[in-house]
């Protein structure tokens, strides 16, 4: 039933993800849909993997404002946090982008260095397969004329 609170939340989250993706593409970043996940009750007997639709975004043109823009877009589209992976994959951290309990607004939590093909408390999966950079990456330039028009329309709504 789409009229219940859970249905409305799912619809709102899908719209936020769509608009967030449009804005990231408008910045000329590369974007691909991934399954973000975390392990609830990590390393306990009742642990369970919780998944959510997420976006993996690449700074294709070495924009010096990339991290600032990612943080601002995450705040604008009500994301709890973002994982920032510096070039080279060393020193990644979770950055809180709203007032949720975890990690908390503005809080930075070190998550370590990028490791491919290993499960951990926080993970990213692409179609349940090993993650490879560039796989499925969308860019503004690759979009059709109609897709570009839709993105520009969404972008105007947030300016």
N, C-alpha and C. Protein backbone atom coordinates (compact mmCIF):
# COMPACT_ATOMS: atom_id res chain seq x y z
N UNK A 1 0.85 -1.19 0.00
CA UNK A 1 0.00 0.00 0.00
C UNK A 1 0.89 1.24 0.00
N UNK A 2 0.82 2.03 -1.06
CA UNK A 2 1.65 3.22 -1.18
C UNK A 2 1.18 4.37 -0.29
N UNK A 3 0.03 4.22 0.34
CA UNK A 3 -0.48 5.29 1.18
C UNK A 3 0.03 5.20 2.62
N UNK A 4 0.72 4.09 2.96
CA UNK A 4 1.23 3.99 4.32
C UNK A 4 2.54 4.77 4.45
N UNK A 5 2.98 4.96 5.68
CA UNK A 5 4.18 5.76 5.94
C UNK A 5 5.40 5.17 5.26
N UNK A 6 5.55 3.83 5.32
CA UNK A 6 6.71 3.18 4.70
C UNK A 6 6.71 3.39 3.19
N UNK A 7 5.54 3.29 2.55
CA UNK A 7 5.42 3.51 1.11
C UNK A 7 5.78 4.94 0.74
N UNK A 8 5.30 5.90 1.53
CA UNK A 8 5.62 7.31 1.28
C UNK A 8 7.11 7.57 1.47
N UNK A 9 7.72 6.95 2.47
CA UNK A 9 9.15 7.12 2.71
C UNK A 9 9.95 6.55 1.55
N UNK A 10 9.56 5.37 1.06
CA UNK A 10 10.27 4.77 -0.08
C UNK A 10 10.16 5.65 -1.31
N UNK A 11 8.97 6.18 -1.56
CA UNK A 11 8.77 7.07 -2.71
C UNK A 11 9.62 8.33 -2.58
N UNK A 12 9.62 8.92 -1.40
CA UNK A 12 10.41 10.12 -1.15
C UNK A 12 11.90 9.83 -1.33
N UNK A 13 12.38 8.71 -0.79
CA UNK A 13 13.79 8.35 -0.92
C UNK A 13 14.18 8.13 -2.37
N UNK A 14 13.29 7.50 -3.16
CA UNK A 14 13.59 7.29 -4.58
C UNK A 14 13.70 8.63 -5.31
N UNK A 15 12.79 9.55 -4.99
CA UNK A 15 12.82 10.87 -5.63
C UNK A 15 14.08 11.63 -5.23
N UNK A 16 14.44 11.57 -3.96
CA UNK A 16 15.67 12.23 -3.50
C UNK A 16 16.89 11.66 -4.21
N UNK A 17 16.96 10.33 -4.33
CA UNK A 17 18.09 9.70 -5.02
C UNK A 17 18.14 10.12 -6.48
N UNK A 18 16.99 10.18 -7.13
CA UNK A 18 16.93 10.59 -8.54
C UNK A 18 17.44 12.02 -8.70
N UNK A 19 16.96 12.91 -7.84
CA UNK A 19 17.35 14.31 -7.92
C UNK A 19 18.82 14.50 -7.53
N UNK A 20 19.27 13.77 -6.53
CA UNK A 20 20.67 13.85 -6.13
C UNK A 20 21.56 13.40 -7.29
N UNK A 21 21.19 12.30 -7.93
CA UNK A 21 21.97 11.81 -9.07
C UNK A 21 22.00 12.86 -10.19
N UNK A 22 20.88 13.49 -10.46
CA UNK A 22 20.82 14.53 -11.50
C UNK A 22 21.77 15.68 -11.16
N UNK A 23 21.78 16.09 -9.90
CA UNK A 23 22.65 17.20 -9.51
C UNK A 23 24.12 16.80 -9.62
N UNK A 24 24.46 15.59 -9.24
CA UNK A 24 25.85 15.13 -9.34
C UNK A 24 26.29 15.06 -10.80
N UNK A 25 25.40 14.60 -11.67
CA UNK A 25 25.71 14.57 -13.10
C UNK A 25 25.86 15.99 -13.64
N UNK A 26 25.05 16.92 -13.15
CA UNK A 26 25.14 18.31 -13.58
C UNK A 26 26.48 18.93 -13.18
N UNK A 27 27.10 18.45 -12.10
CA UNK A 27 28.43 18.90 -11.71
C UNK A 27 29.51 18.30 -12.62
N UNK A 28 29.10 17.41 -13.52
CA UNK A 28 29.99 16.71 -14.45
C UNK A 28 30.84 15.66 -13.73
N UNK A 29 30.25 15.05 -12.68
CA UNK A 29 30.89 13.94 -12.00
C UNK A 29 30.39 12.64 -12.64
N UNK A 30 31.16 11.58 -12.49
CA UNK A 30 30.71 10.26 -12.90
C UNK A 30 29.90 9.66 -11.77
N UNK A 31 28.79 9.00 -12.11
CA UNK A 31 27.89 8.46 -11.08
C UNK A 31 27.44 7.06 -11.47
N UNK A 32 27.42 6.16 -10.51
CA UNK A 32 26.85 4.83 -10.74
C UNK A 32 26.06 4.41 -9.50
N UNK A 33 24.96 3.72 -9.72
CA UNK A 33 24.13 3.22 -8.62
C UNK A 33 24.81 2.00 -8.02
N UNK A 34 24.87 1.96 -6.70
CA UNK A 34 25.46 0.83 -5.98
C UNK A 34 24.56 0.47 -4.81
N UNK A 35 24.81 -0.68 -4.23
CA UNK A 35 24.13 -1.07 -3.00
C UNK A 35 25.05 -0.72 -1.83
N UNK A 36 24.71 0.33 -1.11
CA UNK A 36 25.42 0.64 0.12
C UNK A 36 24.88 -0.27 1.19
N UNK A 37 25.73 -0.72 2.08
CA UNK A 37 25.23 -1.58 3.14
C UNK A 37 26.09 -1.46 4.39
N UNK A 38 25.50 -1.88 5.48
CA UNK A 38 26.23 -1.93 6.73
C UNK A 38 25.72 -3.14 7.49
N UNK A 39 26.53 -3.61 8.41
CA UNK A 39 26.15 -4.77 9.22
C UNK A 39 25.62 -4.26 10.55
N UNK A 40 24.33 -4.51 10.78
CA UNK A 40 23.73 -4.17 12.06
C UNK A 40 24.16 -5.24 13.06
N UNK A 41 24.54 -4.83 14.26
CA UNK A 41 25.04 -5.75 15.30
C UNK A 41 26.31 -6.46 14.82
N UNK A 42 27.23 -5.68 14.25
CA UNK A 42 28.45 -6.21 13.65
C UNK A 42 29.21 -7.11 14.62
N UNK A 43 29.63 -8.28 14.10
CA UNK A 43 30.40 -9.30 14.83
C UNK A 43 29.66 -9.85 16.04
N UNK A 44 28.34 -9.83 15.99
CA UNK A 44 27.52 -10.47 17.02
C UNK A 44 26.74 -11.60 16.36
N UNK A 45 26.20 -12.49 17.17
CA UNK A 45 25.50 -13.64 16.63
C UNK A 45 24.28 -13.25 15.80
N UNK A 46 23.62 -12.16 16.16
CA UNK A 46 22.40 -11.74 15.45
C UNK A 46 22.68 -10.67 14.39
N UNK A 47 23.93 -10.60 13.88
CA UNK A 47 24.24 -9.58 12.88
C UNK A 47 23.43 -9.80 11.61
N UNK A 48 23.11 -8.69 10.94
CA UNK A 48 22.34 -8.76 9.70
C UNK A 48 22.80 -7.63 8.78
N UNK A 49 22.90 -7.92 7.48
CA UNK A 49 23.30 -6.91 6.52
C UNK A 49 22.08 -6.10 6.10
N UNK A 50 22.19 -4.78 6.22
CA UNK A 50 21.12 -3.86 5.84
C UNK A 50 21.59 -3.11 4.60
N UNK A 51 20.78 -3.12 3.54
CA UNK A 51 21.18 -2.51 2.27
C UNK A 51 20.32 -1.29 1.98
N UNK A 52 20.91 -0.35 1.22
CA UNK A 52 20.15 0.80 0.75
C UNK A 52 20.74 1.26 -0.58
N UNK A 53 19.88 1.82 -1.41
CA UNK A 53 20.34 2.34 -2.70
C UNK A 53 21.26 3.52 -2.44
N UNK A 54 22.43 3.49 -3.05
CA UNK A 54 23.43 4.53 -2.87
C UNK A 54 24.01 4.93 -4.21
N UNK A 55 24.78 6.01 -4.20
CA UNK A 55 25.43 6.48 -5.42
C UNK A 55 26.93 6.57 -5.19
N UNK A 56 27.69 6.00 -6.11
CA UNK A 56 29.14 6.11 -6.09
C UNK A 56 29.50 7.21 -7.08
N UNK A 57 30.19 8.23 -6.62
CA UNK A 57 30.46 9.41 -7.43
C UNK A 57 31.96 9.61 -7.58
N UNK A 58 32.38 9.88 -8.83
CA UNK A 58 33.80 10.02 -9.14
C UNK A 58 34.08 11.45 -9.60
N UNK A 59 35.14 12.02 -9.08
CA UNK A 59 35.58 13.37 -9.44
C UNK A 59 36.39 13.28 -10.74
N UNK A 60 35.70 13.18 -11.87
CA UNK A 60 36.33 12.94 -13.16
C UNK A 60 37.28 14.06 -13.60
N UNK A 61 36.96 15.30 -13.25
CA UNK A 61 37.73 16.44 -13.75
C UNK A 61 38.55 17.12 -12.66
N UNK A 62 38.81 16.39 -11.57
CA UNK A 62 39.60 16.90 -10.46
C UNK A 62 39.10 18.26 -9.96
N UNK A 63 37.80 18.36 -9.78
CA UNK A 63 37.18 19.57 -9.24
C UNK A 63 37.68 19.79 -7.82
N UNK A 64 38.32 20.93 -7.53
CA UNK A 64 38.84 21.16 -6.18
C UNK A 64 37.73 21.30 -5.14
N UNK A 65 36.48 21.56 -5.57
CA UNK A 65 35.34 21.70 -4.65
C UNK A 65 34.54 20.41 -4.51
N UNK A 66 35.09 19.30 -4.99
CA UNK A 66 34.36 18.02 -5.02
C UNK A 66 33.81 17.65 -3.64
N UNK A 67 34.65 17.60 -2.62
CA UNK A 67 34.21 17.16 -1.29
C UNK A 67 33.17 18.12 -0.74
N UNK A 68 33.39 19.42 -0.90
CA UNK A 68 32.42 20.42 -0.44
C UNK A 68 31.08 20.23 -1.15
N UNK A 69 31.12 20.01 -2.47
CA UNK A 69 29.89 19.81 -3.24
C UNK A 69 29.17 18.53 -2.82
N UNK A 70 29.92 17.46 -2.60
CA UNK A 70 29.32 16.19 -2.15
C UNK A 70 28.63 16.39 -0.81
N UNK A 71 29.31 17.06 0.11
CA UNK A 71 28.74 17.31 1.44
C UNK A 71 27.46 18.15 1.32
N UNK A 72 27.50 19.22 0.53
CA UNK A 72 26.32 20.08 0.37
C UNK A 72 25.16 19.33 -0.26
N UNK A 73 25.42 18.51 -1.27
CA UNK A 73 24.34 17.75 -1.92
C UNK A 73 23.78 16.70 -0.97
N UNK A 74 24.64 16.06 -0.18
CA UNK A 74 24.16 15.07 0.79
C UNK A 74 23.26 15.72 1.83
N UNK A 75 23.63 16.93 2.26
CA UNK A 75 22.78 17.66 3.21
C UNK A 75 21.46 18.04 2.56
N UNK A 76 21.52 18.58 1.36
CA UNK A 76 20.32 19.04 0.65
C UNK A 76 19.33 17.89 0.43
N UNK A 77 19.85 16.68 0.16
CA UNK A 77 18.99 15.55 -0.15
C UNK A 77 18.87 14.57 1.01
N UNK A 78 19.09 15.07 2.24
CA UNK A 78 18.80 14.34 3.49
C UNK A 78 19.49 12.98 3.60
N UNK A 79 20.75 12.92 3.23
CA UNK A 79 21.53 11.69 3.38
C UNK A 79 22.13 11.70 4.78
N UNK A 80 22.19 10.53 5.43
CA UNK A 80 22.78 10.45 6.78
C UNK A 80 24.27 10.73 6.74
N UNK A 81 24.94 10.21 5.70
CA UNK A 81 26.39 10.33 5.64
C UNK A 81 26.88 10.05 4.23
N UNK A 82 28.14 10.34 4.01
CA UNK A 82 28.82 9.98 2.77
C UNK A 82 30.16 9.37 3.17
N UNK A 83 30.67 8.50 2.33
CA UNK A 83 32.03 7.99 2.52
C UNK A 83 32.91 8.72 1.51
N UNK A 84 33.94 9.35 2.01
CA UNK A 84 34.89 10.05 1.16
C UNK A 84 36.12 9.16 1.01
N UNK A 85 36.45 8.81 -0.23
CA UNK A 85 37.62 8.00 -0.51
C UNK A 85 38.60 8.87 -1.28
N UNK A 86 39.66 9.33 -0.62
CA UNK A 86 40.64 10.16 -1.32
C UNK A 86 41.27 9.41 -2.50
N UNK A 87 41.78 10.17 -3.46
CA UNK A 87 42.44 9.56 -4.61
C UNK A 87 43.53 8.62 -4.11
N UNK A 88 43.56 7.41 -4.64
CA UNK A 88 44.51 6.40 -4.20
C UNK A 88 43.91 5.43 -3.20
N UNK A 89 42.74 5.77 -2.63
CA UNK A 89 42.03 4.86 -1.73
C UNK A 89 42.52 4.81 -0.30
N UNK A 90 43.47 5.65 0.08
CA UNK A 90 44.01 5.64 1.44
C UNK A 90 43.30 6.68 2.31
N UNK A 91 42.99 6.31 3.56
CA UNK A 91 42.43 7.26 4.53
C UNK A 91 40.97 7.61 4.31
N UNK A 92 40.16 6.66 3.86
CA UNK A 92 38.73 6.91 3.65
C UNK A 92 38.04 7.19 4.98
N UNK A 93 36.99 8.01 4.93
CA UNK A 93 36.26 8.33 6.15
C UNK A 93 34.77 8.55 5.86
N UNK A 94 33.98 8.26 6.88
CA UNK A 94 32.55 8.49 6.86
C UNK A 94 32.31 9.90 7.40
N UNK A 95 31.50 10.69 6.69
CA UNK A 95 31.20 12.06 7.09
C UNK A 95 29.71 12.21 7.30
N UNK A 96 29.30 12.57 8.51
CA UNK A 96 27.89 12.77 8.83
C UNK A 96 27.36 14.03 8.16
N UNK A 97 26.21 13.91 7.50
CA UNK A 97 25.66 15.06 6.76
C UNK A 97 24.25 15.43 7.19
N UNK A 98 23.77 14.84 8.28
CA UNK A 98 22.53 15.31 8.89
C UNK A 98 22.57 15.01 10.38
N UNK A 99 21.51 15.28 11.08
CA UNK A 99 21.51 15.16 12.54
C UNK A 99 21.10 13.76 13.03
N UNK A 100 21.26 12.74 12.19
CA UNK A 100 20.94 11.38 12.62
C UNK A 100 21.89 10.97 13.75
N UNK A 101 21.50 9.94 14.49
CA UNK A 101 22.30 9.48 15.62
C UNK A 101 23.70 9.06 15.20
N UNK A 102 23.80 8.41 14.06
CA UNK A 102 25.09 7.93 13.60
C UNK A 102 25.33 8.37 12.18
N UNK A 103 26.43 8.94 11.84
CA UNK A 103 27.55 9.25 12.72
C UNK A 103 27.41 10.58 13.44
N UNK A 104 26.38 11.36 13.09
CA UNK A 104 26.19 12.68 13.69
C UNK A 104 26.70 13.75 12.74
N UNK A 105 25.99 14.87 12.69
CA UNK A 105 26.31 15.93 11.74
C UNK A 105 27.76 16.43 11.90
N UNK A 106 28.48 16.43 10.80
CA UNK A 106 29.86 16.93 10.78
C UNK A 106 30.89 15.99 11.36
N UNK A 107 30.45 14.86 11.91
CA UNK A 107 31.39 13.90 12.49
C UNK A 107 32.12 13.14 11.38
N UNK A 108 33.41 12.93 11.58
CA UNK A 108 34.23 12.14 10.66
C UNK A 108 34.69 10.89 11.39
N UNK A 109 34.46 9.75 10.75
CA UNK A 109 34.88 8.47 11.32
C UNK A 109 35.76 7.77 10.30
N UNK A 110 36.99 7.50 10.67
CA UNK A 110 37.91 6.82 9.76
C UNK A 110 37.41 5.40 9.51
N UNK A 111 37.40 5.01 8.24
CA UNK A 111 36.98 3.65 7.89
C UNK A 111 38.12 2.86 7.26
N UNK A 112 39.30 3.47 7.16
CA UNK A 112 40.47 2.76 6.67
C UNK A 112 40.72 2.96 5.19
N UNK A 113 41.52 2.07 4.62
CA UNK A 113 41.89 2.14 3.23
C UNK A 113 40.96 1.25 2.39
N UNK A 114 40.82 1.59 1.13
CA UNK A 114 39.96 0.84 0.21
C UNK A 114 40.46 -0.59 0.07
N UNK A 115 39.55 -1.56 0.22
CA UNK A 115 39.87 -2.98 0.03
C UNK A 115 38.81 -3.56 -0.89
N UNK A 116 39.23 -4.11 -1.98
CA UNK A 116 38.29 -4.67 -2.95
C UNK A 116 38.04 -6.15 -2.65
N UNK A 117 36.78 -6.57 -2.75
CA UNK A 117 36.42 -7.97 -2.62
C UNK A 117 36.37 -8.51 -1.21
N UNK A 118 36.40 -7.66 -0.22
CA UNK A 118 36.34 -8.12 1.17
C UNK A 118 35.11 -7.55 1.84
N UNK A 119 34.45 -8.37 2.66
CA UNK A 119 33.30 -7.87 3.42
C UNK A 119 33.78 -7.20 4.69
N UNK A 120 33.03 -6.20 5.11
CA UNK A 120 33.35 -5.45 6.32
C UNK A 120 32.06 -4.87 6.89
N UNK A 121 32.19 -4.10 7.96
CA UNK A 121 31.00 -3.52 8.58
C UNK A 121 30.25 -2.60 7.61
N UNK A 122 30.98 -1.81 6.81
CA UNK A 122 30.39 -0.94 5.79
C UNK A 122 30.92 -1.40 4.44
N UNK A 123 30.01 -1.59 3.47
CA UNK A 123 30.41 -2.13 2.17
C UNK A 123 29.68 -1.43 1.04
N UNK A 124 30.22 -1.61 -0.17
CA UNK A 124 29.54 -1.21 -1.39
C UNK A 124 29.57 -2.38 -2.34
N UNK A 125 28.44 -2.66 -2.95
CA UNK A 125 28.36 -3.75 -3.92
C UNK A 125 27.74 -3.20 -5.21
N UNK A 126 28.21 -3.73 -6.33
CA UNK A 126 27.61 -3.40 -7.61
C UNK A 126 27.07 -4.70 -8.19
N UNK A 127 25.75 -4.81 -8.26
CA UNK A 127 25.09 -6.01 -8.79
C UNK A 127 25.64 -7.29 -8.16
N UNK A 128 25.93 -7.27 -6.88
CA UNK A 128 26.42 -8.42 -6.11
C UNK A 128 27.75 -8.95 -6.63
N UNK A 129 28.40 -8.21 -7.52
CA UNK A 129 29.66 -8.65 -8.09
C UNK A 129 30.80 -7.84 -7.49
N UNK A 130 32.03 -8.37 -7.66
CA UNK A 130 33.18 -7.57 -7.20
C UNK A 130 33.16 -6.19 -7.84
N UNK A 131 33.51 -5.21 -7.08
CA UNK A 131 33.47 -3.82 -7.52
C UNK A 131 34.71 -3.50 -8.35
N UNK A 132 34.52 -2.93 -9.54
CA UNK A 132 35.65 -2.45 -10.33
C UNK A 132 35.38 -1.01 -10.70
N UNK A 133 36.38 -0.15 -10.61
CA UNK A 133 36.20 1.25 -10.91
C UNK A 133 35.79 1.46 -12.35
N UNK A 134 34.83 2.36 -12.56
CA UNK A 134 34.39 2.71 -13.91
C UNK A 134 33.25 1.85 -14.42
N UNK A 135 32.99 0.72 -13.79
CA UNK A 135 31.92 -0.16 -14.27
C UNK A 135 30.57 0.51 -14.09
N UNK A 136 29.84 0.70 -15.17
CA UNK A 136 28.51 1.28 -15.10
C UNK A 136 28.49 2.76 -14.82
N UNK A 137 29.62 3.43 -14.92
CA UNK A 137 29.70 4.85 -14.58
C UNK A 137 28.95 5.69 -15.61
N UNK A 138 28.03 6.53 -15.12
CA UNK A 138 27.30 7.44 -15.99
C UNK A 138 27.93 8.81 -15.92
N UNK A 139 27.90 9.51 -17.05
CA UNK A 139 28.37 10.89 -17.07
C UNK A 139 27.36 11.72 -17.84
N UNK A 140 27.36 13.01 -17.57
CA UNK A 140 26.44 13.93 -18.24
C UNK A 140 26.64 13.85 -19.76
N UNK A 141 27.90 13.78 -20.18
CA UNK A 141 28.20 13.76 -21.61
C UNK A 141 27.60 12.56 -22.33
N UNK A 142 27.48 11.43 -21.66
CA UNK A 142 26.96 10.21 -22.28
C UNK A 142 25.44 10.19 -22.36
N UNK A 143 24.76 11.14 -21.73
CA UNK A 143 23.30 11.13 -21.69
C UNK A 143 22.69 11.56 -23.01
N UNK A 144 21.46 11.12 -23.24
CA UNK A 144 20.72 11.55 -24.42
C UNK A 144 20.27 13.00 -24.24
N UNK A 145 19.83 13.61 -25.31
CA UNK A 145 19.35 14.99 -25.25
C UNK A 145 18.19 15.13 -24.26
N UNK A 146 17.27 14.16 -24.28
CA UNK A 146 16.12 14.22 -23.37
C UNK A 146 16.56 14.04 -21.91
N UNK A 147 17.51 13.15 -21.66
CA UNK A 147 18.02 12.97 -20.30
C UNK A 147 18.71 14.24 -19.80
N UNK A 148 19.46 14.89 -20.66
CA UNK A 148 20.11 16.15 -20.29
C UNK A 148 19.07 17.22 -19.98
N UNK A 149 18.00 17.25 -20.76
CA UNK A 149 16.92 18.22 -20.51
C UNK A 149 16.30 17.96 -19.14
N UNK A 150 16.06 16.69 -18.81
CA UNK A 150 15.46 16.33 -17.52
C UNK A 150 16.38 16.74 -16.37
N UNK A 151 17.67 16.49 -16.51
CA UNK A 151 18.63 16.86 -15.47
C UNK A 151 18.67 18.36 -15.30
N UNK A 152 18.68 19.10 -16.39
CA UNK A 152 18.71 20.57 -16.30
C UNK A 152 17.45 21.10 -15.63
N UNK A 153 16.31 20.45 -15.89
CA UNK A 153 15.05 20.85 -15.26
C UNK A 153 15.11 20.60 -13.75
N UNK A 154 15.61 19.43 -13.35
CA UNK A 154 15.74 19.11 -11.93
C UNK A 154 16.70 20.08 -11.27
N UNK A 155 17.83 20.35 -11.93
CA UNK A 155 18.84 21.27 -11.39
C UNK A 155 18.25 22.65 -11.15
N UNK A 156 17.45 23.16 -12.09
CA UNK A 156 16.83 24.49 -11.94
C UNK A 156 15.92 24.55 -10.72
N UNK A 157 15.27 23.42 -10.41
CA UNK A 157 14.39 23.36 -9.25
C UNK A 157 15.12 23.50 -7.92
N UNK A 158 16.42 23.31 -7.91
CA UNK A 158 17.19 23.39 -6.67
C UNK A 158 18.11 24.60 -6.62
N UNK A 159 18.01 25.47 -7.59
CA UNK A 159 18.86 26.68 -7.58
C UNK A 159 18.13 27.85 -7.00
